[in-house]
Amino acid sequence: MEEKEMPKTGTVVSYTKLTEPPVDFKDYSPIYLAMIRLDNGVMVLGQLADAESEEIKIGARVMATIRKWTEDGQSGIIYYGYKFKVI
């Protein structure tokens, strides 16, 4: 195995809208999840962020960005990770 940097951009291949997300993510409903083909051909599953429903479609171009995932209510720790936004 070797470490390899992946492209930050890709194309939506398929997507779904979660209106009943897991309990820890209920404040973020609805959640859009997408299968994304990165520009090097690798397929990844990612959450779409900062997009209106009419912007999300098969073939849409997306870019990886760092966004808040969730927050631990007891400790106040905020968790960040990669999501994708429509460009």
PDB file of N, CA and C in Angstrom:
ATOM      1  N   MET A   1       0.830  -1.171   0.000  1.00  0.00           N
ATOM      2  CA  MET A   1       0.000   0.000   0.000  1.00  0.00           C
ATOM      3  C   MET A   1       0.876   1.236   0.000  1.00  0.00           C
ATOM      4  N   GLU A   2       0.374   2.271  -0.641  1.00  0.00           N
ATOM      5  CA  GLU A   2       1.087   3.535  -0.614  1.00  0.00           C
ATOM      6  C   GLU A   2       0.085   4.680  -0.513  1.00  0.00           C
ATOM      7  N   GLU A   3       0.516   5.753   0.090  1.00  0.00           N
ATOM      8  CA  GLU A   3      -0.329   6.926   0.248  1.00  0.00           C
ATOM      9  C   GLU A   3      -0.416   7.664  -1.079  1.00  0.00           C
ATOM     10  N   LYS A   4      -1.619   8.089  -1.431  1.00  0.00           N
ATOM     11  CA  LYS A   4      -1.803   8.809  -2.692  1.00  0.00           C
ATOM     12  C   LYS A   4      -2.863   9.879  -2.485  1.00  0.00           C
ATOM     13  N   GLU A   5      -2.551  11.088  -2.872  1.00  0.00           N
ATOM     14  CA  GLU A   5      -3.517  12.182  -2.751  1.00  0.00           C
ATOM     15  C   GLU A   5      -4.576  12.059  -3.849  1.00  0.00           C
ATOM     16  N   MET A   6      -5.814  12.200  -3.450  1.00  0.00           N
ATOM     17  CA  MET A   6      -6.938  12.114  -4.385  1.00  0.00           C
ATOM     18  C   MET A   6      -7.326  13.512  -4.877  1.00  0.00           C
ATOM     19  N   PRO A   7      -7.925  13.575  -6.076  1.00  0.00           N
ATOM     20  CA  PRO A   7      -8.399  14.873  -6.571  1.00  0.00           C
ATOM     21  C   PRO A   7      -9.484  15.430  -5.655  1.00  0.00           C
ATOM     22  N   LYS A   8      -9.620  16.719  -5.633  1.00  0.00           N
ATOM     23  CA  LYS A   8     -10.631  17.380  -4.800  1.00  0.00           C
ATOM     24  C   LYS A   8     -11.936  17.617  -5.562  1.00  0.00           C
ATOM     25  N   THR A   9     -11.980  17.280  -6.848  1.00  0.00           N
ATOM     26  CA  THR A   9     -13.180  17.506  -7.658  1.00  0.00           C
ATOM     27  C   THR A   9     -13.640  16.209  -8.310  1.00  0.00           C
ATOM     28  N   GLY A  10     -14.936  16.184  -8.638  1.00  0.00           N
ATOM     29  CA  GLY A  10     -15.512  15.008  -9.275  1.00  0.00           C
ATOM     30  C   GLY A  10     -16.915  15.291  -9.770  1.00  0.00           C
ATOM     31  N   THR A  11     -17.639  14.222 -10.103  1.00  0.00           N
ATOM     32  CA  THR A  11     -18.973  14.304 -10.689  1.00  0.00           C
ATOM     33  C   THR A  11     -19.919  13.379  -9.939  1.00  0.00           C
ATOM     34  N   VAL A  12     -21.138  13.862  -9.684  1.00  0.00           N
ATOM     35  CA  VAL A  12     -22.160  13.053  -9.019  1.00  0.00           C
ATOM     36  C   VAL A  12     -22.643  11.975  -9.982  1.00  0.00           C
ATOM     37  N   VAL A  13     -22.546  10.714  -9.556  1.00  0.00           N
ATOM     38  CA  VAL A  13     -22.995   9.570 -10.352  1.00  0.00           C
ATOM     39  C   VAL A  13     -24.404   9.163  -9.933  1.00  0.00           C
ATOM     40  N   SER A  14     -24.678   9.240  -8.634  1.00  0.00           N
ATOM     41  CA  SER A  14     -25.984   8.900  -8.078  1.00  0.00           C
ATOM     42  C   SER A  14     -26.090   9.590  -6.721  1.00  0.00           C
ATOM     43  N   TYR A  15     -27.319   9.810  -6.258  1.00  0.00           N
ATOM     44  CA  TYR A  15     -27.490  10.452  -4.951  1.00  0.00           C
ATOM     45  C   TYR A  15     -28.815  10.046  -4.330  1.00  0.00           C
ATOM     46  N   THR A  16     -28.931  10.289  -3.029  1.00  0.00           N
ATOM     47  CA  THR A  16     -30.169  10.028  -2.307  1.00  0.00           C
ATOM     48  C   THR A  16     -30.350  11.097  -1.243  1.00  0.00           C
ATOM     49  N   LYS A  17     -31.590  11.318  -0.854  1.00  0.00           N
ATOM     50  CA  LYS A  17     -31.940  12.303   0.170  1.00  0.00           C
ATOM     51  C   LYS A  17     -32.425  11.546   1.407  1.00  0.00           C
ATOM     52  N   LEU A  18     -31.761  11.749   2.535  1.00  0.00           N
ATOM     53  CA  LEU A  18     -32.177  11.130   3.791  1.00  0.00           C
ATOM     54  C   LEU A  18     -33.031  12.132   4.561  1.00  0.00           C
ATOM     55  N   THR A  19     -34.296  11.821   4.729  1.00  0.00           N
ATOM     56  CA  THR A  19     -35.175  12.702   5.503  1.00  0.00           C
ATOM     57  C   THR A  19     -35.288  12.234   6.949  1.00  0.00           C
ATOM     58  N   GLU A  20     -34.862  11.014   7.224  1.00  0.00           N
ATOM     59  CA  GLU A  20     -34.837  10.463   8.577  1.00  0.00           C
ATOM     60  C   GLU A  20     -33.410   9.995   8.870  1.00  0.00           C
ATOM     61  N   PRO A  21     -32.483  10.945   9.103  1.00  0.00           N
ATOM     62  CA  PRO A  21     -31.092  10.557   9.333  1.00  0.00           C
ATOM     63  C   PRO A  21     -30.896   9.919  10.703  1.00  0.00           C
ATOM     64  N   PRO A  22     -29.724   9.340  10.962  1.00  0.00           N
ATOM     65  CA  PRO A  22     -29.436   8.771  12.274  1.00  0.00           C
ATOM     66  C   PRO A  22     -29.629   9.816  13.375  1.00  0.00           C
ATOM     67  N   VAL A  23     -29.899   9.360  14.572  1.00  0.00           N
ATOM     68  CA  VAL A  23     -30.231  10.229  15.706  1.00  0.00           C
ATOM     69  C   VAL A  23     -29.217  11.364  15.897  1.00  0.00           C
ATOM     70  N   ASP A  24     -27.931  11.064  15.813  1.00  0.00           N
ATOM     71  CA  ASP A  24     -26.904  12.083  16.038  1.00  0.00           C
ATOM     72  C   ASP A  24     -26.888  13.168  14.960  1.00  0.00           C
ATOM     73  N   PHE A  25     -27.586  12.939  13.855  1.00  0.00           N
ATOM     74  CA  PHE A  25     -27.579  13.884  12.745  1.00  0.00           C
ATOM     75  C   PHE A  25     -28.954  14.478  12.472  1.00  0.00           C
ATOM     76  N   LYS A  26     -29.905  14.300  13.406  1.00  0.00           N
ATOM     77  CA  LYS A  26     -31.282  14.740  13.171  1.00  0.00           C
ATOM     78  C   LYS A  26     -31.392  16.249  12.960  1.00  0.00           C
ATOM     79  N   ASP A  27     -30.474  17.029  13.550  1.00  0.00           N
ATOM     80  CA  ASP A  27     -30.510  18.478  13.392  1.00  0.00           C
ATOM     81  C   ASP A  27     -30.065  18.929  12.007  1.00  0.00           C
ATOM     82  N   TYR A  28     -29.537  18.011  11.211  1.00  0.00           N
ATOM     83  CA  TYR A  28     -29.002  18.358   9.896  1.00  0.00           C
ATOM     84  C   TYR A  28     -29.888  17.859   8.755  1.00  0.00           C
ATOM     85  N   SER A  29     -31.091  17.441   9.050  1.00  0.00           N
ATOM     86  CA  SER A  29     -32.002  16.879   8.051  1.00  0.00           C
ATOM     87  C   SER A  29     -32.521  17.976   7.127  1.00  0.00           C
ATOM     88  N   PRO A  30     -32.690  17.705   5.829  1.00  0.00           N
ATOM     89  CA  PRO A  30     -32.342  16.457   5.149  1.00  0.00           C
ATOM     90  C   PRO A  30     -30.841  16.393   4.850  1.00  0.00           C
ATOM     91  N   ILE A  31     -30.350  15.178   4.700  1.00  0.00           N
ATOM     92  CA  ILE A  31     -28.955  14.944   4.347  1.00  0.00           C
ATOM     93  C   ILE A  31     -28.931  14.337   2.945  1.00  0.00           C
ATOM     94  N   TYR A  32     -28.071  14.875   2.099  1.00  0.00           N
ATOM     95  CA  TYR A  32     -27.891  14.334   0.754  1.00  0.00           C
ATOM     96  C   TYR A  32     -26.583  13.562   0.708  1.00  0.00           C
ATOM     97  N   LEU A  33     -26.654  12.291   0.308  1.00  0.00           N
ATOM     98  CA  LEU A  33     -25.478  11.448   0.121  1.00  0.00           C
ATOM     99  C   LEU A  33     -25.336  11.163  -1.355  1.00  0.00           C
ATOM    100  N   ALA A  34     -24.086  11.137  -1.833  1.00  0.00           N
ATOM    101  CA  ALA A  34     -23.866  10.933  -3.265  1.00  0.00           C
ATOM    102  C   ALA A  34     -22.703   9.987  -3.517  1.00  0.00           C
ATOM    103  N   MET A  35     -22.830   9.205  -4.583  1.00  0.00           N
ATOM    104  CA  MET A  35     -21.697   8.462  -5.131  1.00  0.00           C
ATOM    105  C   MET A  35     -21.024   9.434  -6.082  1.00  0.00           C
ATOM    106  N   ILE A  36     -19.747   9.673  -5.854  1.00  0.00           N
ATOM    107  CA  ILE A  36     -19.009  10.666  -6.627  1.00  0.00           C
ATOM    108  C   ILE A  36     -17.831   9.995  -7.312  1.00  0.00           C
ATOM    109  N   ARG A  37     -17.724  10.243  -8.616  1.00  0.00           N
ATOM    110  CA  ARG A  37     -16.564   9.747  -9.363  1.00  0.00           C
ATOM    111  C   ARG A  37     -15.554  10.893  -9.387  1.00  0.00           C
ATOM    112  N   LEU A  38     -14.459  10.705  -8.643  1.00  0.00           N
ATOM    113  CA  LEU A  38     -13.416  11.720  -8.632  1.00  0.00           C
ATOM    114  C   LEU A  38     -12.787  11.828 -10.013  1.00  0.00           C
ATOM    115  N   ASP A  39     -12.095  12.916 -10.254  1.00  0.00           N
ATOM    116  CA  ASP A  39     -11.538  13.152 -11.591  1.00  0.00           C
ATOM    117  C   ASP A  39     -10.504  12.116 -12.036  1.00  0.00           C
ATOM    118  N   ASN A  40     -10.006  11.299 -11.114  1.00  0.00           N
ATOM    119  CA  ASN A  40      -9.083  10.224 -11.497  1.00  0.00           C
ATOM    120  C   ASN A  40      -9.804   8.885 -11.680  1.00  0.00           C
ATOM    121  N   GLY A  41     -11.161   8.890 -11.578  1.00  0.00           N
ATOM    122  CA  GLY A  41     -11.946   7.678 -11.797  1.00  0.00           C
ATOM    123  C   GLY A  41     -12.330   6.929 -10.534  1.00  0.00           C
ATOM    124  N   VAL A  42     -11.753   7.254  -9.400  1.00  0.00           N
ATOM    125  CA  VAL A  42     -12.070   6.587  -8.132  1.00  0.00           C
ATOM    126  C   VAL A  42     -13.467   7.000  -7.686  1.00  0.00           C
ATOM    127  N   MET A  43     -14.271   6.025  -7.221  1.00  0.00           N
ATOM    128  CA  MET A  43     -15.621   6.301  -6.727  1.00  0.00           C
ATOM    129  C   MET A  43     -15.598   6.393  -5.213  1.00  0.00           C
ATOM    130  N   VAL A  44     -16.255   7.431  -4.670  1.00  0.00           N
ATOM    131  CA  VAL A  44     -16.353   7.613  -3.224  1.00  0.00           C
ATOM    132  C   VAL A  44     -17.792   7.950  -2.856  1.00  0.00           C
ATOM    133  N   LEU A  45     -18.154   7.660  -1.620  1.00  0.00           N
ATOM    134  CA  LEU A  45     -19.441   8.065  -1.083  1.00  0.00           C
ATOM    135  C   LEU A  45     -19.196   9.305  -0.236  1.00  0.00           C
ATOM    136  N   GLY A  46     -19.988  10.354  -0.461  1.00  0.00           N
ATOM    137  CA  GLY A  46     -19.791  11.579   0.296  1.00  0.00           C
ATOM    138  C   GLY A  46     -21.096  12.298   0.549  1.00  0.00           C
ATOM    139  N   GLN A  47     -21.078  13.130   1.560  1.00  0.00           N
ATOM    140  CA  GLN A  47     -22.239  13.962   1.864  1.00  0.00           C
ATOM    141  C   GLN A  47     -22.124  15.261   1.090  1.00  0.00           C
ATOM    142  N   LEU A  48     -23.259  15.719   0.531  1.00  0.00           N
ATOM    143  CA  LEU A  48     -23.289  16.993  -0.172  1.00  0.00           C
ATOM    144  C   LEU A  48     -23.683  18.083   0.812  1.00  0.00           C
ATOM    145  N   ALA A  49     -23.003  19.208   0.746  1.00  0.00           N
ATOM    146  CA  ALA A  49     -23.249  20.308   1.676  1.00  0.00           C
ATOM    147  C   ALA A  49     -23.465  21.600   0.899  1.00  0.00           C
ATOM    148  N   ASP A  50     -24.130  22.539   1.550  1.00  0.00           N
ATOM    149  CA  ASP A  50     -24.302  23.892   0.997  1.00  0.00           C
ATOM    150  C   ASP A  50     -24.986  23.892  -0.363  1.00  0.00           C
ATOM    151  N   ALA A  51     -25.919  22.975  -0.586  1.00  0.00           N
ATOM    152  CA  ALA A  51     -26.588  22.897  -1.886  1.00  0.00           C
ATOM    153  C   ALA A  51     -28.096  22.870  -1.707  1.00  0.00           C
ATOM    154  N   GLU A  52     -28.776  23.553  -2.571  1.00  0.00           N
ATOM    155  CA  GLU A  52     -30.230  23.478  -2.626  1.00  0.00           C
ATOM    156  C   GLU A  52     -30.598  22.236  -3.432  1.00  0.00           C
ATOM    157  N   SER A  53     -31.768  21.677  -3.178  1.00  0.00           N
ATOM    158  CA  SER A  53     -32.153  20.420  -3.820  1.00  0.00           C
ATOM    159  C   SER A  53     -32.150  20.515  -5.348  1.00  0.00           C
ATOM    160  N   GLU A  54     -32.475  21.689  -5.911  1.00  0.00           N
ATOM    161  CA  GLU A  54     -32.504  21.806  -7.374  1.00  0.00           C
ATOM    162  C   GLU A  54     -31.105  21.823  -7.989  1.00  0.00           C
ATOM    163  N   GLU A  55     -30.062  22.078  -7.185  1.00  0.00           N
ATOM    164  CA  GLU A  55     -28.687  22.055  -7.680  1.00  0.00           C
ATOM    165  C   GLU A  55     -28.136  20.636  -7.750  1.00  0.00           C
ATOM    166  N   ILE A  56     -28.703  19.732  -6.959  1.00  0.00           N
ATOM    167  CA  ILE A  56     -28.190  18.368  -6.855  1.00  0.00           C
ATOM    168  C   ILE A  56     -28.809  17.517  -7.951  1.00  0.00           C
ATOM    169  N   LYS A  57     -27.955  17.037  -8.838  1.00  0.00           N
ATOM    170  CA  LYS A  57     -28.423  16.176  -9.927  1.00  0.00           C
ATOM    171  C   LYS A  57     -27.272  15.317 -10.421  1.00  0.00           C
ATOM    172  N   ILE A  58     -27.612  14.244 -11.083  1.00  0.00           N
ATOM    173  CA  ILE A  58     -26.605  13.373 -11.680  1.00  0.00           C
ATOM    174  C   ILE A  58     -25.856  14.182 -12.724  1.00  0.00           C
ATOM    175  N   GLY A  59     -24.541  14.110 -12.670  1.00  0.00           N
ATOM    176  CA  GLY A  59     -23.703  14.863 -13.591  1.00  0.00           C
ATOM    177  C   GLY A  59     -23.195  16.179 -13.016  1.00  0.00           C
ATOM    178  N   ALA A  60     -23.713  16.592 -11.858  1.00  0.00           N
ATOM    179  CA  ALA A  60     -23.261  17.844 -11.244  1.00  0.00           C
ATOM    180  C   ALA A  60     -21.791  17.732 -10.853  1.00  0.00           C
ATOM    181  N   ARG A  61     -21.058  18.798 -11.060  1.00  0.00           N
ATOM    182  CA  ARG A  61     -19.660  18.850 -10.654  1.00  0.00           C
ATOM    183  C   ARG A  61     -19.603  19.236  -9.180  1.00  0.00           C
ATOM    184  N   VAL A  62     -18.725  18.575  -8.420  1.00  0.00           N
ATOM    185  CA  VAL A  62     -18.582  18.840  -6.994  1.00  0.00           C
ATOM    186  C   VAL A  62     -17.111  19.003  -6.625  1.00  0.00           C
ATOM    187  N   MET A  63     -16.892  19.638  -5.462  1.00  0.00           N
ATOM    188  CA  MET A  63     -15.546  19.855  -4.953  1.00  0.00           C
ATOM    189  C   MET A  63     -15.533  19.512  -3.467  1.00  0.00           C
ATOM    190  N   ALA A  64     -14.490  18.828  -3.025  1.00  0.00           N
ATOM    191  CA  ALA A  64     -14.348  18.484  -1.609  1.00  0.00           C
ATOM    192  C   ALA A  64     -14.076  19.750  -0.802  1.00  0.00           C
ATOM    193  N   THR A  65     -14.685  19.808   0.375  1.00  0.00           N
ATOM    194  CA  THR A  65     -14.504  20.935   1.278  1.00  0.00           C
ATOM    195  C   THR A  65     -14.596  20.417   2.715  1.00  0.00           C
ATOM    196  N   ILE A  66     -14.021  21.121   3.640  1.00  0.00           N
ATOM    197  CA  ILE A  66     -14.095  20.700   5.040  1.00  0.00           C
ATOM    198  C   ILE A  66     -15.273  21.414   5.691  1.00  0.00           C
ATOM    199  N   ARG A  67     -16.132  20.630   6.334  1.00  0.00           N
ATOM    200  CA  ARG A  67     -17.328  21.160   6.982  1.00  0.00           C
ATOM    201  C   ARG A  67     -17.537  20.462   8.325  1.00  0.00           C
ATOM    202  N   LYS A  68     -18.350  21.062   9.138  1.00  0.00           N
ATOM    203  CA  LYS A  68     -18.727  20.481  10.429  1.00  0.00           C
ATOM    204  C   LYS A  68     -19.570  19.235  10.182  1.00  0.00           C
ATOM    205  N   TRP A  69     -19.237  18.151  10.893  1.00  0.00           N
ATOM    206  CA  TRP A  69     -20.031  16.932  10.801  1.00  0.00           C
ATOM    207  C   TRP A  69     -21.060  16.888  11.903  1.00  0.00           C
ATOM    208  N   THR A  70     -20.576  17.022  13.114  1.00  0.00           N
ATOM    209  CA  THR A  70     -21.470  16.931  14.269  1.00  0.00           C
ATOM    210  C   THR A  70     -20.774  17.551  15.468  1.00  0.00           C
ATOM    211  N   GLU A  71     -21.489  17.600  16.567  1.00  0.00           N
ATOM    212  CA  GLU A  71     -20.963  18.187  17.794  1.00  0.00           C
ATOM    213  C   GLU A  71     -21.355  17.302  18.957  1.00  0.00           C
ATOM    214  N   ASP A  72     -20.405  17.053  19.864  1.00  0.00           N
ATOM    215  CA  ASP A  72     -20.677  16.265  21.055  1.00  0.00           C
ATOM    216  C   ASP A  72     -21.328  17.185  22.082  1.00  0.00           C
ATOM    217  N   GLY A  73     -22.582  16.922  22.408  1.00  0.00           N
ATOM    218  CA  GLY A  73     -23.343  17.782  23.301  1.00  0.00           C
ATOM    219  C   GLY A  73     -22.778  17.888  24.699  1.00  0.00           C
ATOM    220  N   GLN A  74     -22.175  16.822  25.207  1.00  0.00           N
ATOM    221  CA  GLN A  74     -21.664  16.843  26.581  1.00  0.00           C
ATOM    222  C   GLN A  74     -20.313  17.550  26.675  1.00  0.00           C
ATOM    223  N   SER A  75     -19.430  17.250  25.762  1.00  0.00           N
ATOM    224  CA  SER A  75     -18.085  17.831  25.844  1.00  0.00           C
ATOM    225  C   SER A  75     -17.941  19.100  25.015  1.00  0.00           C
ATOM    226  N   GLY A  76     -18.844  19.297  24.047  1.00  0.00           N
ATOM    227  CA  GLY A  76     -18.757  20.473  23.184  1.00  0.00           C
ATOM    228  C   GLY A  76     -17.761  20.327  22.053  1.00  0.00           C
ATOM    229  N   ILE A  77     -17.184  19.133  21.901  1.00  0.00           N
ATOM    230  CA  ILE A  77     -16.217  18.903  20.823  1.00  0.00           C
ATOM    231  C   ILE A  77     -16.950  18.957  19.485  1.00  0.00           C
ATOM    232  N   ILE A  78     -16.386  19.691  18.537  1.00  0.00           N
ATOM    233  CA  ILE A  78     -16.953  19.790  17.188  1.00  0.00           C
ATOM    234  C   ILE A  78     -16.105  18.913  16.277  1.00  0.00           C
ATOM    235  N   TYR A  79     -16.756  18.063  15.497  1.00  0.00           N
ATOM    236  CA  TYR A  79     -16.077  17.164  14.573  1.00  0.00           C
ATOM    237  C   TYR A  79     -16.202  17.699  13.151  1.00  0.00           C
ATOM    238  N   TYR A  80     -15.068  17.786  12.463  1.00  0.00           N
ATOM    239  CA  TYR A  80     -15.036  18.267  11.086  1.00  0.00           C
ATOM    240  C   TYR A  80     -14.588  17.138  10.168  1.00  0.00           C
ATOM    241  N   GLY A  81     -14.981  17.216   8.912  1.00  0.00           N
ATOM    242  CA  GLY A  81     -14.569  16.223   7.936  1.00  0.00           C
ATOM    243  C   GLY A  81     -14.871  16.710   6.539  1.00  0.00           C
ATOM    244  N   TYR A  82     -14.561  15.881   5.562  1.00  0.00           N
ATOM    245  CA  TYR A  82     -14.807  16.243   4.171  1.00  0.00           C
ATOM    246  C   TYR A  82     -16.271  16.050   3.802  1.00  0.00           C
ATOM    247  N   LYS A  83     -16.788  17.012   3.094  1.00  0.00           N
ATOM    248  CA  LYS A  83     -18.087  16.924   2.422  1.00  0.00           C
ATOM    249  C   LYS A  83     -17.845  17.473   1.030  1.00  0.00           C
ATOM    250  N   PHE A  84     -18.829  17.386   0.165  1.00  0.00           N
ATOM    251  CA  PHE A  84     -18.695  17.900  -1.188  1.00  0.00           C
ATOM    252  C   PHE A  84     -19.730  18.982  -1.437  1.00  0.00           C
ATOM    253  N   LYS A  85     -19.342  20.018  -2.168  1.00  0.00           N
ATOM    254  CA  LYS A  85     -20.292  21.059  -2.535  1.00  0.00           C
ATOM    255  C   LYS A  85     -20.367  21.167  -4.053  1.00  0.00           C
ATOM    256  N   VAL A  86     -21.547  21.503  -4.543  1.00  0.00           N
ATOM    257  CA  VAL A  86     -21.756  21.659  -5.984  1.00  0.00           C
ATOM    258  C   VAL A  86     -21.017  22.914  -6.443  1.00  0.00           C
ATOM    259  N   ILE A  87     -20.293  22.785  -7.561  1.00  0.00           N
ATOM    260  CA  ILE A  87     -19.561  23.943  -8.104  1.00  0.00           C
ATOM    261  C   ILE A  87     -20.113  24.358  -9.465  1.00  0.00           C
TER     262      ILE A  87
END
